Amino acid sequence: MFVMFRRDEDNMTSGIFKLKGLDESAVYSLTDADTGRIVERSGRDLMKTGVEITMLQPHSSTLVFLQKNNETKDIL
């Protein structure tokens, strides 16, 4: 799980964040706690390309649950 915060004075509405320490060959499910949207990405992609988080409103936060899936799939 990871949490992102946007401060009141921050003009940045989105960013790309590279995760660390994941299994490159595994597939991970990322679940947005607010919307329930689930995205599957490889550990390799999450560490090299990263995940984009968007927060349009100042003084907001986003909670994302990260789960390593049991079976491996070919996902970029």
Protein backbone atom coordinates (compact mmCIF):
# COMPACT_ATOMS: atom_id res chain seq x y z
CA MET A 1 0.00 0.00 0.00
CA PHE A 2 1.15 3.53 -0.61
CA VAL A 3 -0.36 6.94 0.05
CA MET A 4 0.22 10.13 -1.91
CA PHE A 5 -0.57 13.61 -0.56
CA ARG A 6 -1.07 16.89 -2.40
CA ARG A 7 -0.47 19.98 -0.30
CA ASP A 8 -2.47 23.20 -0.64
CA GLU A 9 0.43 25.14 -2.13
CA ASP A 10 1.43 22.43 -4.62
CA ASN A 11 0.57 23.25 -8.26
CA MET A 12 1.52 19.79 -9.52
CA THR A 13 -1.64 17.76 -10.29
CA SER A 14 0.03 14.50 -11.35
CA GLY A 15 3.33 12.72 -11.28
CA ILE A 16 4.98 9.46 -12.23
CA PHE A 17 6.41 7.49 -9.34
CA LYS A 18 8.77 4.54 -9.75
CA LEU A 19 8.36 1.81 -7.17
CA LYS A 20 11.30 -0.10 -5.70
CA GLY A 21 11.97 -3.58 -4.39
CA LEU A 22 9.37 -5.44 -6.46
CA ASP A 23 9.76 -8.80 -8.17
CA GLU A 24 10.44 -7.92 -11.83
CA SER A 25 8.81 -11.09 -13.14
CA ALA A 26 5.66 -10.83 -11.01
CA VAL A 27 2.36 -9.15 -11.86
CA TYR A 28 0.91 -6.70 -9.36
CA SER A 29 -2.63 -5.43 -8.90
CA LEU A 30 -2.94 -1.77 -7.96
CA THR A 31 -6.31 -0.83 -6.48
CA ASP A 32 -7.40 2.78 -6.00
CA ALA A 33 -9.13 2.85 -2.60
CA ASP A 34 -11.43 5.73 -3.61
CA THR A 35 -12.66 4.48 -6.98
CA GLY A 36 -12.07 0.72 -6.70
CA ARG A 37 -10.32 0.82 -10.10
CA ILE A 38 -7.86 -2.05 -10.48
CA VAL A 39 -4.87 -2.03 -12.84
CA GLU A 40 -2.45 -4.91 -13.36
CA ARG A 41 1.19 -4.17 -14.15
CA SER A 42 4.43 -6.10 -14.08
CA GLY A 43 6.95 -5.45 -11.36
CA ARG A 44 9.46 -4.57 -14.06
CA ASP A 45 7.15 -1.90 -15.50
CA LEU A 46 6.30 -0.42 -12.10
CA MET A 47 10.00 -0.06 -11.28
CA LYS A 48 11.19 1.20 -14.68
CA THR A 49 8.23 3.19 -16.03
CA GLY A 50 6.43 3.91 -12.79
CA VAL A 51 2.81 4.58 -11.96
CA GLU A 52 1.04 7.87 -12.67
CA ILE A 53 -0.94 9.37 -9.82
CA THR A 54 -3.30 12.30 -10.46
CA MET A 55 -4.85 14.48 -7.78
CA LEU A 56 -6.76 17.45 -9.16
CA GLN A 57 -7.75 19.01 -5.84
CA PRO A 58 -5.26 20.68 -3.49
CA HIS A 59 -5.11 19.27 0.04
CA SER A 60 -6.08 15.78 -1.13
CA SER A 61 -4.69 12.27 -0.89
CA THR A 62 -4.75 8.99 -2.77
CA LEU A 63 -4.48 5.53 -1.25
CA VAL A 64 -3.39 2.67 -3.51
CA PHE A 65 -3.27 -0.97 -2.46
CA LEU A 66 -0.51 -2.98 -4.13
CA GLN A 67 -0.85 -6.77 -4.24
CA LYS A 68 1.46 -9.29 -5.82
CA ASN A 69 -0.59 -11.77 -7.83
CA ASN A 70 0.02 -15.51 -7.38
CA GLU A 71 0.15 -16.41 -11.05
CA THR A 72 2.49 -14.74 -13.51
CA LYS A 73 1.16 -13.22 -16.72
CA ASP A 74 2.75 -11.48 -19.66
CA ILE A 75 1.75 -7.88 -18.99
CA LEU A 76 3.82 -4.88 -19.98
